[in-house]
Amino acid sequence: MKKKAFITFLVVGAIAMIVMSSHYLYSNTSGILKRKEVASSLWYLLTFRAHVLFGLFAITAGPIQFIKRIRTRNTRLHRVLGYFYFVGVILSSLSGSIVAQFAMGGRITSIGFSILAILWFYATVKSITAIRNGNISDHEKWSYFSYALTFAAITQRSLLLIPLLTGVPFMPIYQLSAWLPWLLNLSIAYLILRFSSERYQKIATNRFS
């Protein structure tokens, strides 16, 4: 039941992200783009849209990978979606690292988004490398961390609702959103993995004691 609720939460988050971000793919003055002078440059728009588009690929493919029935009964689909997710993350993180250099809010925001892009790339590569080496445990661990960083985009949008719905100034929250979402999501992923590991250890201990 908890697993189904978790998957449902990820799916709803992915759908919400598609709805909230798709306008960036066709509008040059949508959302934060209208606040940026660099958005008038074609190269920046292409890079920004690549970041958004491939990020949406990753966000969409990710939740399906956590469905146990697909992982165990349809390994081919799991593998195909895994590589689909991998390509989405790699291209989105690389383009995102460029976009981060022009983030609003100054250096503190640029550094936060840059670290996110680097960690996102790293965790995803580690996940793919682990499964290619036959290390399922490490693959699962790094997959959780990778999607935690993918989901940071949704956590960030949620955080930005604060200035939109209240009188709180936008920029301090935006600067915070470059750090808090991915730090929070990584912490949650770590706790989930730790809880799962302890639960399985207790089951194994009770079974063989």
N, C-alpha and C. Protein backbone atom coordinates (compact mmCIF):
# COMPACT_ATOMS: atom_id res chain seq x y z
N MET A 1 0.83 -1.20 0.00
CA MET A 1 0.00 0.00 0.00
C MET A 1 0.87 1.26 0.00
N LYS A 2 1.91 1.25 0.84
CA LYS A 2 2.81 2.40 0.91
C LYS A 2 3.55 2.58 -0.40
N LYS A 3 3.94 1.45 -1.02
CA LYS A 3 4.65 1.49 -2.29
C LYS A 3 3.77 2.11 -3.37
N LYS A 4 2.48 1.70 -3.41
CA LYS A 4 1.56 2.24 -4.39
C LYS A 4 1.35 3.74 -4.20
N ALA A 5 1.26 4.15 -2.94
CA ALA A 5 1.09 5.57 -2.64
C ALA A 5 2.32 6.36 -3.08
N PHE A 6 3.50 5.76 -2.88
CA PHE A 6 4.75 6.40 -3.29
C PHE A 6 4.80 6.57 -4.80
N ILE A 7 4.45 5.52 -5.55
CA ILE A 7 4.45 5.57 -7.01
C ILE A 7 3.42 6.60 -7.51
N THR A 8 2.26 6.59 -6.88
CA THR A 8 1.20 7.54 -7.25
C THR A 8 1.67 8.97 -7.04
N PHE A 9 2.35 9.21 -5.94
CA PHE A 9 2.89 10.53 -5.64
C PHE A 9 3.88 10.98 -6.72
N LEU A 10 4.75 10.06 -7.15
CA LEU A 10 5.73 10.38 -8.19
C LEU A 10 5.05 10.68 -9.53
N VAL A 11 4.02 9.88 -9.85
CA VAL A 11 3.31 10.06 -11.11
C VAL A 11 2.58 11.40 -11.14
N VAL A 12 1.90 11.72 -10.04
CA VAL A 12 1.18 12.99 -9.94
C VAL A 12 2.16 14.16 -10.05
N GLY A 13 3.32 14.01 -9.40
CA GLY A 13 4.35 15.04 -9.49
C GLY A 13 4.85 15.22 -10.90
N ALA A 14 5.05 14.10 -11.62
CA ALA A 14 5.52 14.17 -13.00
C ALA A 14 4.50 14.86 -13.91
N ILE A 15 3.22 14.51 -13.72
CA ILE A 15 2.16 15.15 -14.52
C ILE A 15 2.10 16.64 -14.24
N ALA A 16 2.20 16.99 -12.96
CA ALA A 16 2.17 18.41 -12.58
C ALA A 16 3.34 19.16 -13.20
N MET A 17 4.50 18.51 -13.25
CA MET A 17 5.68 19.16 -13.82
C MET A 17 5.51 19.41 -15.31
N ILE A 18 4.91 18.44 -16.01
CA ILE A 18 4.66 18.60 -17.44
C ILE A 18 3.73 19.78 -17.68
N VAL A 19 2.69 19.86 -16.87
CA VAL A 19 1.72 20.95 -17.00
C VAL A 19 2.37 22.30 -16.72
N MET A 20 3.21 22.35 -15.68
CA MET A 20 3.81 23.62 -15.26
C MET A 20 4.95 24.08 -16.18
N SER A 21 5.57 23.14 -16.90
CA SER A 21 6.78 23.50 -17.66
C SER A 21 6.63 23.48 -19.17
N SER A 22 5.58 22.88 -19.69
CA SER A 22 5.45 22.73 -21.13
C SER A 22 5.39 24.07 -21.87
N HIS A 23 4.93 25.12 -21.20
CA HIS A 23 4.82 26.43 -21.85
C HIS A 23 6.19 27.00 -22.22
N TYR A 24 7.24 26.53 -21.54
CA TYR A 24 8.59 27.02 -21.87
C TYR A 24 9.05 26.53 -23.24
N LEU A 25 8.40 25.51 -23.77
CA LEU A 25 8.83 24.92 -25.04
C LEU A 25 8.35 25.71 -26.24
N TYR A 26 7.38 26.61 -26.05
CA TYR A 26 6.86 27.36 -27.20
C TYR A 26 6.79 28.88 -26.97
N SER A 27 6.98 29.33 -25.75
CA SER A 27 6.91 30.76 -25.47
C SER A 27 8.29 31.31 -25.10
N ASN A 28 8.67 32.42 -25.72
CA ASN A 28 9.97 33.04 -25.44
C ASN A 28 9.93 34.00 -24.26
N THR A 29 8.75 34.29 -23.78
CA THR A 29 8.61 35.27 -22.69
C THR A 29 7.79 34.69 -21.53
N SER A 30 7.83 33.39 -21.39
CA SER A 30 7.03 32.74 -20.36
C SER A 30 7.81 32.61 -19.06
N GLY A 31 7.11 32.77 -17.94
CA GLY A 31 7.72 32.53 -16.63
C GLY A 31 8.99 33.35 -16.41
N ILE A 32 10.06 32.64 -15.98
CA ILE A 32 11.31 33.33 -15.67
C ILE A 32 12.02 33.86 -16.90
N LEU A 33 11.65 33.41 -18.10
CA LEU A 33 12.30 33.89 -19.32
C LEU A 33 12.10 35.40 -19.52
N LYS A 34 10.94 35.90 -19.11
CA LYS A 34 10.68 37.32 -19.30
C LYS A 34 11.50 38.19 -18.36
N ARG A 35 12.13 37.56 -17.35
CA ARG A 35 12.96 38.30 -16.41
C ARG A 35 14.44 38.30 -16.83
N LYS A 36 14.77 37.56 -17.90
CA LYS A 36 16.17 37.40 -18.28
C LYS A 36 16.48 38.09 -19.61
N GLU A 37 17.51 38.90 -19.60
CA GLU A 37 17.95 39.57 -20.82
C GLU A 37 18.55 38.56 -21.80
N VAL A 38 19.24 37.55 -21.27
CA VAL A 38 19.90 36.56 -22.10
C VAL A 38 18.89 35.69 -22.85
N ALA A 39 17.63 35.70 -22.42
CA ALA A 39 16.61 34.88 -23.06
C ALA A 39 16.29 35.35 -24.48
N SER A 40 16.79 36.53 -24.85
CA SER A 40 16.58 37.02 -26.21
C SER A 40 17.55 36.36 -27.20
N SER A 41 18.54 35.63 -26.67
CA SER A 41 19.52 34.95 -27.52
C SER A 41 19.01 33.57 -27.93
N LEU A 42 19.14 33.25 -29.20
CA LEU A 42 18.65 31.97 -29.71
C LEU A 42 19.37 30.80 -29.07
N TRP A 43 20.69 30.89 -28.87
CA TRP A 43 21.45 29.78 -28.31
C TRP A 43 20.98 29.47 -26.88
N TYR A 44 20.65 30.54 -26.13
CA TYR A 44 20.18 30.32 -24.76
C TYR A 44 18.81 29.65 -24.77
N LEU A 45 17.91 30.11 -25.62
CA LEU A 45 16.58 29.52 -25.70
C LEU A 45 16.65 28.04 -26.07
N LEU A 46 17.53 27.71 -27.02
CA LEU A 46 17.68 26.31 -27.42
C LEU A 46 18.23 25.47 -26.27
N THR A 47 19.21 26.02 -25.56
CA THR A 47 19.81 25.31 -24.42
C THR A 47 18.79 25.14 -23.30
N PHE A 48 18.06 26.20 -23.01
CA PHE A 48 17.05 26.17 -21.96
C PHE A 48 15.95 25.17 -22.29
N ARG A 49 15.51 25.17 -23.54
CA ARG A 49 14.44 24.25 -23.94
C ARG A 49 14.92 22.80 -23.97
N ALA A 50 16.20 22.60 -24.30
CA ALA A 50 16.75 21.24 -24.23
C ALA A 50 16.74 20.76 -22.78
N HIS A 51 17.10 21.65 -21.87
CA HIS A 51 17.08 21.33 -20.44
C HIS A 51 15.68 20.94 -19.98
N VAL A 52 14.69 21.72 -20.38
CA VAL A 52 13.31 21.47 -19.98
C VAL A 52 12.79 20.18 -20.64
N LEU A 53 12.97 20.05 -21.95
CA LEU A 53 12.41 18.92 -22.69
C LEU A 53 12.98 17.58 -22.20
N PHE A 54 14.31 17.49 -22.12
CA PHE A 54 14.91 16.23 -21.70
C PHE A 54 14.69 15.97 -20.21
N GLY A 55 14.54 17.05 -19.44
CA GLY A 55 14.19 16.89 -18.04
C GLY A 55 12.80 16.28 -17.89
N LEU A 56 11.87 16.69 -18.75
CA LEU A 56 10.53 16.12 -18.73
C LEU A 56 10.55 14.65 -19.14
N PHE A 57 11.45 14.30 -20.07
CA PHE A 57 11.62 12.88 -20.42
C PHE A 57 11.97 12.07 -19.18
N ALA A 58 12.95 12.57 -18.43
CA ALA A 58 13.42 11.86 -17.24
C ALA A 58 12.33 11.78 -16.17
N ILE A 59 11.64 12.89 -15.95
CA ILE A 59 10.59 12.92 -14.93
C ILE A 59 9.46 11.96 -15.28
N THR A 60 9.16 11.83 -16.58
CA THR A 60 8.09 10.94 -17.02
C THR A 60 8.48 9.47 -16.91
N ALA A 61 9.69 9.15 -17.30
CA ALA A 61 10.14 7.75 -17.30
C ALA A 61 10.46 7.24 -15.90
N GLY A 62 10.89 8.11 -15.02
CA GLY A 62 11.36 7.71 -13.70
C GLY A 62 10.39 6.91 -12.86
N PRO A 63 9.15 7.39 -12.65
CA PRO A 63 8.24 6.65 -11.76
C PRO A 63 7.97 5.22 -12.19
N ILE A 64 7.94 4.98 -13.49
CA ILE A 64 7.65 3.63 -14.00
C ILE A 64 8.75 2.67 -13.58
N GLN A 65 9.96 3.18 -13.43
CA GLN A 65 11.10 2.33 -13.07
C GLN A 65 11.01 1.80 -11.64
N PHE A 66 10.18 2.41 -10.82
CA PHE A 66 10.05 1.97 -9.43
C PHE A 66 8.95 0.93 -9.24
N ILE A 67 8.22 0.60 -10.33
CA ILE A 67 7.16 -0.39 -10.24
C ILE A 67 7.78 -1.79 -10.30
N LYS A 68 7.68 -2.52 -9.20
CA LYS A 68 8.35 -3.81 -9.07
C LYS A 68 7.89 -4.81 -10.12
N ARG A 69 6.61 -4.80 -10.44
CA ARG A 69 6.07 -5.76 -11.40
C ARG A 69 6.73 -5.60 -12.77
N ILE A 70 6.99 -4.36 -13.17
CA ILE A 70 7.65 -4.12 -14.45
C ILE A 70 9.11 -4.53 -14.39
N ARG A 71 9.75 -4.23 -13.26
CA ARG A 71 11.17 -4.59 -13.13
C ARG A 71 11.39 -6.09 -13.19
N THR A 72 10.47 -6.86 -12.62
CA THR A 72 10.66 -8.30 -12.52
C THR A 72 10.04 -9.08 -13.68
N ARG A 73 8.92 -8.58 -14.22
CA ARG A 73 8.21 -9.33 -15.25
C ARG A 73 8.43 -8.80 -16.67
N ASN A 74 8.86 -7.57 -16.78
CA ASN A 74 9.09 -6.99 -18.10
C ASN A 74 10.43 -6.27 -18.09
N THR A 75 11.48 -7.05 -18.01
CA THR A 75 12.82 -6.48 -17.90
C THR A 75 13.22 -5.69 -19.14
N ARG A 76 12.68 -6.09 -20.29
CA ARG A 76 13.00 -5.38 -21.52
C ARG A 76 12.49 -3.93 -21.46
N LEU A 77 11.23 -3.76 -21.01
CA LEU A 77 10.65 -2.42 -20.87
C LEU A 77 11.43 -1.62 -19.84
N HIS A 78 11.77 -2.27 -18.74
CA HIS A 78 12.54 -1.60 -17.69
C HIS A 78 13.88 -1.10 -18.23
N ARG A 79 14.52 -1.94 -19.06
CA ARG A 79 15.81 -1.57 -19.62
C ARG A 79 15.69 -0.42 -20.63
N VAL A 80 14.68 -0.50 -21.49
CA VAL A 80 14.46 0.55 -22.50
C VAL A 80 14.16 1.89 -21.83
N LEU A 81 13.25 1.86 -20.85
CA LEU A 81 12.91 3.10 -20.14
C LEU A 81 14.10 3.62 -19.34
N GLY A 82 14.92 2.68 -18.85
CA GLY A 82 16.12 3.08 -18.12
C GLY A 82 17.08 3.88 -18.98
N TYR A 83 17.28 3.42 -20.20
CA TYR A 83 18.17 4.15 -21.10
C TYR A 83 17.53 5.45 -21.58
N PHE A 84 16.20 5.43 -21.73
CA PHE A 84 15.45 6.64 -22.07
C PHE A 84 15.64 7.68 -20.97
N TYR A 85 15.52 7.22 -19.73
CA TYR A 85 15.72 8.09 -18.56
C TYR A 85 17.16 8.59 -18.53
N PHE A 86 18.11 7.69 -18.77
CA PHE A 86 19.54 8.04 -18.74
C PHE A 86 19.85 9.14 -19.74
N VAL A 87 19.39 8.99 -20.97
CA VAL A 87 19.64 10.01 -21.99
C VAL A 87 19.00 11.33 -21.60
N GLY A 88 17.77 11.27 -21.07
CA GLY A 88 17.09 12.48 -20.64
C GLY A 88 17.87 13.23 -19.58
N VAL A 89 18.37 12.51 -18.58
CA VAL A 89 19.12 13.14 -17.49
C VAL A 89 20.44 13.71 -17.99
N ILE A 90 21.17 12.94 -18.78
CA ILE A 90 22.47 13.40 -19.24
C ILE A 90 22.34 14.69 -20.04
N LEU A 91 21.42 14.72 -20.99
CA LEU A 91 21.25 15.92 -21.82
C LEU A 91 20.67 17.09 -21.03
N SER A 92 19.75 16.78 -20.11
CA SER A 92 19.16 17.86 -19.31
C SER A 92 20.16 18.42 -18.29
N SER A 93 20.97 17.56 -17.71
CA SER A 93 21.94 18.04 -16.72
C SER A 93 23.05 18.86 -17.39
N LEU A 94 23.50 18.42 -18.56
CA LEU A 94 24.54 19.16 -19.27
C LEU A 94 24.04 20.53 -19.71
N SER A 95 22.85 20.57 -20.31
CA SER A 95 22.29 21.86 -20.71
C SER A 95 21.93 22.69 -19.48
N GLY A 96 21.50 22.01 -18.41
CA GLY A 96 21.17 22.72 -17.18
C GLY A 96 22.37 23.37 -16.53
N SER A 97 23.54 22.75 -16.67
CA SER A 97 24.76 23.33 -16.10
C SER A 97 25.13 24.64 -16.80
N ILE A 98 24.75 24.74 -18.08
CA ILE A 98 24.98 25.98 -18.83
C ILE A 98 23.95 27.03 -18.42
N VAL A 99 22.69 26.63 -18.38
CA VAL A 99 21.61 27.54 -17.98
C VAL A 99 21.86 28.09 -16.58
N ALA A 100 22.44 27.27 -15.70
CA ALA A 100 22.68 27.68 -14.31
C ALA A 100 23.58 28.90 -14.20
N GLN A 101 24.46 29.08 -15.18
CA GLN A 101 25.38 30.22 -15.13
C GLN A 101 24.68 31.55 -15.34
N PHE A 102 23.44 31.49 -15.81
CA PHE A 102 22.68 32.71 -16.08
C PHE A 102 21.43 32.78 -15.20
N ALA A 103 21.45 32.03 -14.11
CA ALA A 103 20.29 32.01 -13.21
C ALA A 103 20.12 33.35 -12.51
N MET A 104 18.88 33.68 -12.25
CA MET A 104 18.59 34.89 -11.48
C MET A 104 19.05 34.69 -10.04
N GLY A 105 19.35 35.78 -9.37
CA GLY A 105 19.71 35.69 -7.96
C GLY A 105 21.19 35.69 -7.69
N GLY A 106 22.00 35.81 -8.76
CA GLY A 106 23.44 35.94 -8.56
C GLY A 106 24.18 34.63 -8.37
N ARG A 107 25.36 34.74 -7.80
CA ARG A 107 26.26 33.59 -7.68
C ARG A 107 25.71 32.48 -6.80
N ILE A 108 25.03 32.83 -5.72
CA ILE A 108 24.52 31.80 -4.82
C ILE A 108 23.53 30.88 -5.54
N THR A 109 22.72 31.44 -6.43
CA THR A 109 21.77 30.64 -7.20
C THR A 109 22.49 29.81 -8.25
N SER A 110 23.42 30.41 -8.96
CA SER A 110 24.17 29.71 -10.01
C SER A 110 24.94 28.52 -9.43
N ILE A 111 25.56 28.71 -8.28
CA ILE A 111 26.33 27.62 -7.65
C ILE A 111 25.40 26.48 -7.25
N GLY A 112 24.25 26.83 -6.65
CA GLY A 112 23.30 25.81 -6.22
C GLY A 112 22.81 24.96 -7.39
N PHE A 113 22.39 25.60 -8.47
CA PHE A 113 21.91 24.87 -9.64
C PHE A 113 23.03 24.10 -10.33
N SER A 114 24.25 24.64 -10.30
CA SER A 114 25.39 23.96 -10.91
C SER A 114 25.72 22.67 -10.16
N ILE A 115 25.71 22.73 -8.84
CA ILE A 115 25.97 21.53 -8.03
C ILE A 115 24.89 20.49 -8.28
N LEU A 116 23.65 20.94 -8.37
CA LEU A 116 22.54 20.03 -8.67
C LEU A 116 22.78 19.31 -10.00
N ALA A 117 23.16 20.05 -11.03
CA ALA A 117 23.41 19.46 -12.35
C ALA A 117 24.52 18.42 -12.30
N ILE A 118 25.59 18.74 -11.57
CA ILE A 118 26.74 17.83 -11.47
C ILE A 118 26.35 16.55 -10.72
N LEU A 119 25.66 16.70 -9.59
CA LEU A 119 25.24 15.54 -8.80
C LEU A 119 24.23 14.68 -9.57
N TRP A 120 23.35 15.32 -10.29
CA TRP A 120 22.35 14.62 -11.09
C TRP A 120 23.02 13.75 -12.15
N PHE A 121 23.98 14.35 -12.85
CA PHE A 121 24.76 13.63 -13.86
C PHE A 121 25.51 12.46 -13.22
N TYR A 122 26.17 12.73 -12.10
CA TYR A 122 27.01 11.73 -11.44
C TYR A 122 26.19 10.54 -10.94
N ALA A 123 25.09 10.82 -10.24
CA ALA A 123 24.27 9.74 -9.67
C ALA A 123 23.69 8.86 -10.77
N THR A 124 23.30 9.46 -11.88
CA THR A 124 22.71 8.70 -12.97
C THR A 124 23.74 7.82 -13.67
N VAL A 125 24.93 8.36 -13.89
CA VAL A 125 26.02 7.57 -14.49
C VAL A 125 26.39 6.41 -13.58
N LYS A 126 26.44 6.67 -12.27
CA LYS A 126 26.77 5.62 -11.31
C LYS A 126 25.70 4.51 -11.34
N SER A 127 24.45 4.89 -11.51
CA SER A 127 23.37 3.91 -11.57
C SER A 127 23.51 3.00 -12.78
N ILE A 128 23.77 3.59 -13.93
CA ILE A 128 23.94 2.81 -15.16
C ILE A 128 25.19 1.93 -15.08
N THR A 129 26.27 2.50 -14.57
CA THR A 129 27.52 1.74 -14.44
C THR A 129 27.33 0.53 -13.52
N ALA A 130 26.60 0.72 -12.43
CA ALA A 130 26.38 -0.36 -11.47
C ALA A 130 25.63 -1.53 -12.10
N ILE A 131 24.56 -1.23 -12.86
CA ILE A 131 23.78 -2.32 -13.44
C ILE A 131 24.55 -3.00 -14.56
N ARG A 132 25.37 -2.27 -15.26
CA ARG A 132 26.20 -2.89 -16.30
C ARG A 132 27.23 -3.83 -15.69
N ASN A 133 27.64 -3.54 -14.46
CA ASN A 133 28.59 -4.41 -13.75
C ASN A 133 27.88 -5.51 -12.97
N GLY A 134 26.54 -5.55 -13.09
CA GLY A 134 25.78 -6.59 -12.40
C GLY A 134 25.54 -6.33 -10.93
N ASN A 135 25.78 -5.10 -10.49
CA ASN A 135 25.60 -4.77 -9.08
C ASN A 135 24.20 -4.15 -8.88
N ILE A 136 23.23 -5.02 -8.62
CA ILE A 136 21.84 -4.57 -8.52
C ILE A 136 21.62 -3.67 -7.30
N SER A 137 22.28 -3.98 -6.19
CA SER A 137 22.12 -3.19 -4.97
C SER A 137 22.56 -1.74 -5.18
N ASP A 138 23.75 -1.57 -5.76
CA ASP A 138 24.24 -0.22 -6.03
C ASP A 138 23.39 0.48 -7.08
N HIS A 139 22.92 -0.28 -8.06
CA HIS A 139 22.05 0.29 -9.09
C HIS A 139 20.79 0.88 -8.47
N GLU A 140 20.19 0.13 -7.56
CA GLU A 140 18.97 0.60 -6.90
C GLU A 140 19.26 1.85 -6.05
N LYS A 141 20.38 1.82 -5.33
CA LYS A 141 20.73 2.95 -4.47
C LYS A 141 20.91 4.22 -5.30
N TRP A 142 21.72 4.13 -6.35
CA TRP A 142 22.01 5.31 -7.16
C TRP A 142 20.79 5.76 -7.96
N SER A 143 19.89 4.81 -8.29
CA SER A 143 18.66 5.17 -8.99
C SER A 143 17.77 6.03 -8.09
N TYR A 144 17.71 5.69 -6.81
CA TYR A 144 16.94 6.50 -5.87
C TYR A 144 17.52 7.91 -5.77
N PHE A 145 18.83 7.99 -5.65
CA PHE A 145 19.47 9.30 -5.56
C PHE A 145 19.27 10.10 -6.85
N SER A 146 19.38 9.41 -7.98
CA SER A 146 19.20 10.08 -9.27
C SER A 146 17.80 10.67 -9.40
N TYR A 147 16.78 9.86 -9.09
CA TYR A 147 15.43 10.38 -9.25
C TYR A 147 15.08 11.40 -8.17
N ALA A 148 15.73 11.31 -7.03
CA ALA A 148 15.53 12.34 -6.00
C ALA A 148 15.97 13.70 -6.55
N LEU A 149 17.05 13.68 -7.32
CA LEU A 149 17.55 14.92 -7.92
C LEU A 149 16.67 15.35 -9.10
N THR A 150 16.13 14.37 -9.83
CA THR A 150 15.18 14.69 -10.90
C THR A 150 13.94 15.36 -10.31
N PHE A 151 13.45 14.81 -9.21
CA PHE A 151 12.23 15.30 -8.57
C PHE A 151 12.46 16.66 -7.91
N ALA A 152 13.71 17.08 -7.79
CA ALA A 152 14.00 18.39 -7.20
C ALA A 152 13.34 19.51 -7.99
N ALA A 153 13.13 19.29 -9.28
CA ALA A 153 12.46 20.30 -10.10
C ALA A 153 11.03 20.52 -9.61
N ILE A 154 10.37 19.45 -9.21
CA ILE A 154 9.00 19.54 -8.71
C ILE A 154 8.98 20.17 -7.32
N THR A 155 9.93 19.78 -6.49
CA THR A 155 10.04 20.37 -5.16
C THR A 155 10.30 21.87 -5.25
N GLN A 156 11.12 22.24 -6.22
CA GLN A 156 11.42 23.66 -6.41
C GLN A 156 10.18 24.45 -6.80
N ARG A 157 9.40 23.91 -7.76
CA ARG A 157 8.18 24.60 -8.18
C ARG A 157 7.21 24.73 -7.01
N SER A 158 7.17 23.73 -6.17
CA SER A 158 6.29 23.80 -4.99
C SER A 158 6.74 24.90 -4.04
N LEU A 159 8.06 25.02 -3.87
CA LEU A 159 8.60 26.05 -3.01
C LEU A 159 8.30 27.45 -3.55
N LEU A 160 8.32 27.58 -4.87
CA LEU A 160 8.07 28.89 -5.48
C LEU A 160 6.61 29.32 -5.41
N LEU A 161 5.75 28.41 -4.96
CA LEU A 161 4.36 28.80 -4.75
C LEU A 161 4.22 29.77 -3.58
N ILE A 162 5.21 29.74 -2.69
CA ILE A 162 5.16 30.62 -1.50
C ILE A 162 5.09 32.08 -1.89
N PRO A 163 6.03 32.59 -2.72
CA PRO A 163 5.92 34.01 -3.10
C PRO A 163 4.75 34.29 -4.03
N LEU A 164 4.30 33.28 -4.77
CA LEU A 164 3.18 33.49 -5.68
C LEU A 164 1.86 33.61 -4.94
N LEU A 165 1.76 32.93 -3.81
CA LEU A 165 0.49 32.90 -3.07
C LEU A 165 0.49 33.80 -1.84
N THR A 166 1.66 34.33 -1.49
CA THR A 166 1.77 35.18 -0.30
C THR A 166 2.49 36.47 -0.67
N GLY A 167 2.74 37.27 0.34
CA GLY A 167 3.44 38.53 0.11
C GLY A 167 4.94 38.42 0.29
N VAL A 168 5.45 37.19 0.43
CA VAL A 168 6.89 36.98 0.62
C VAL A 168 7.64 37.38 -0.66
N PRO A 169 8.74 38.12 -0.58
CA PRO A 169 9.52 38.51 -1.77
C PRO A 169 9.98 37.28 -2.56
N PHE A 170 9.97 37.40 -3.88
CA PHE A 170 10.28 36.27 -4.75
C PHE A 170 11.75 35.87 -4.71
N MET A 171 12.66 36.84 -4.79
CA MET A 171 14.07 36.51 -5.00
C MET A 171 14.70 35.69 -3.87
N PRO A 172 14.49 36.02 -2.60
CA PRO A 172 15.07 35.17 -1.55
C PRO A 172 14.60 33.72 -1.62
N ILE A 173 13.33 33.52 -1.95
CA ILE A 173 12.80 32.16 -2.08
C ILE A 173 13.41 31.47 -3.29
N TYR A 174 13.60 32.22 -4.37
CA TYR A 174 14.20 31.64 -5.57
C TYR A 174 15.65 31.22 -5.29
N GLN A 175 16.38 32.04 -4.56
CA GLN A 175 17.74 31.67 -4.20
C GLN A 175 17.76 30.42 -3.33
N LEU A 176 16.82 30.36 -2.40
CA LEU A 176 16.71 29.18 -1.54
C LEU A 176 16.35 27.94 -2.36
N SER A 177 15.56 28.14 -3.42
CA SER A 177 15.11 27.01 -4.23
C SER A 177 16.22 26.39 -5.06
N ALA A 178 17.36 27.07 -5.14
CA ALA A 178 18.50 26.50 -5.85
C ALA A 178 19.24 25.48 -4.99
N TRP A 179 18.92 25.44 -3.70
CA TRP A 179 19.62 24.55 -2.75
C TRP A 179 18.70 23.59 -2.01
N LEU A 180 17.66 24.13 -1.39
CA LEU A 180 16.82 23.33 -0.50
C LEU A 180 16.18 22.11 -1.17
N PRO A 181 15.59 22.22 -2.38
CA PRO A 181 14.91 21.06 -2.96
C PRO A 181 15.79 19.83 -3.13
N TRP A 182 16.99 20.00 -3.69
CA TRP A 182 17.81 18.81 -3.91
C TRP A 182 18.45 18.29 -2.63
N LEU A 183 18.74 19.19 -1.68
CA LEU A 183 19.25 18.73 -0.39
C LEU A 183 18.17 17.94 0.37
N LEU A 184 16.95 18.45 0.33
CA LEU A 184 15.83 17.79 1.00
C LEU A 184 15.54 16.44 0.35
N ASN A 185 15.49 16.40 -0.98
CA ASN A 185 15.17 15.16 -1.69
C ASN A 185 16.23 14.09 -1.50
N LEU A 186 17.50 14.49 -1.50
CA LEU A 186 18.57 13.52 -1.24
C LEU A 186 18.47 12.95 0.17
N SER A 187 18.12 13.80 1.12
CA SER A 187 17.97 13.34 2.51
C SER A 187 16.82 12.33 2.62
N ILE A 188 15.72 12.61 1.92
CA ILE A 188 14.57 11.70 1.95
C ILE A 188 14.93 10.37 1.29
N ALA A 189 15.65 10.43 0.16
CA ALA A 189 16.07 9.20 -0.52
C ALA A 189 16.98 8.38 0.37
N TYR A 190 17.88 9.04 1.08
CA TYR A 190 18.79 8.34 2.00
C TYR A 190 18.00 7.64 3.11
N LEU A 191 17.02 8.34 3.67
CA LEU A 191 16.21 7.75 4.74
C LEU A 191 15.38 6.58 4.24
N ILE A 192 14.85 6.68 3.02
CA ILE A 192 14.07 5.57 2.45
C ILE A 192 14.95 4.35 2.28
N LEU A 193 16.16 4.55 1.74
CA LEU A 193 17.08 3.44 1.53
C LEU A 193 17.53 2.83 2.86
N ARG A 194 17.78 3.68 3.84
CA ARG A 194 18.21 3.18 5.14
C ARG A 194 17.09 2.40 5.82
N PHE A 195 15.87 2.91 5.75
CA PHE A 195 14.73 2.23 6.35
C PHE A 195 14.50 0.88 5.68
N SER A 196 14.60 0.86 4.34
CA SER A 196 14.39 -0.39 3.60
C SER A 196 15.45 -1.42 3.96
N SER A 197 16.70 -0.95 4.09
CA SER A 197 17.81 -1.85 4.43
C SER A 197 17.63 -2.45 5.81
N GLU A 198 17.24 -1.62 6.77
CA GLU A 198 17.02 -2.11 8.15
C GLU A 198 15.85 -3.08 8.20
N ARG A 199 14.80 -2.81 7.42
CA ARG A 199 13.62 -3.69 7.41
C ARG A 199 13.97 -5.06 6.85
N TYR A 200 14.73 -5.07 5.76
CA TYR A 200 15.12 -6.35 5.16
C TYR A 200 16.06 -7.13 6.07
N GLN A 201 16.91 -6.41 6.78
CA GLN A 201 17.81 -7.08 7.71
C GLN A 201 17.04 -7.73 8.85
N LYS A 202 16.00 -7.06 9.35
CA LYS A 202 15.18 -7.62 10.42
C LYS A 202 14.43 -8.85 9.94
N ILE A 203 13.91 -8.79 8.69
CA ILE A 203 13.20 -9.93 8.13
C ILE A 203 14.12 -11.12 7.98
N ALA A 204 15.34 -10.85 7.47
CA ALA A 204 16.33 -11.93 7.31
C ALA A 204 16.75 -12.53 8.63
N THR A 205 16.90 -11.67 9.65
CA THR A 205 17.31 -12.14 10.97
C THR A 205 16.23 -13.02 11.59
N ASN A 206 14.97 -12.57 11.47
CA ASN A 206 13.85 -13.34 12.03
C ASN A 206 13.65 -14.67 11.30
N ARG A 207 13.94 -14.67 10.01
CA ARG A 207 13.74 -15.87 9.20
C ARG A 207 14.75 -16.95 9.53
N PHE A 208 15.98 -16.54 9.79
CA PHE A 208 17.04 -17.54 10.01
C PHE A 208 17.45 -17.70 11.48
N SER A 209 16.73 -17.02 12.37
CA SER A 209 17.06 -17.16 13.79
C SER A 209 16.25 -18.28 14.44
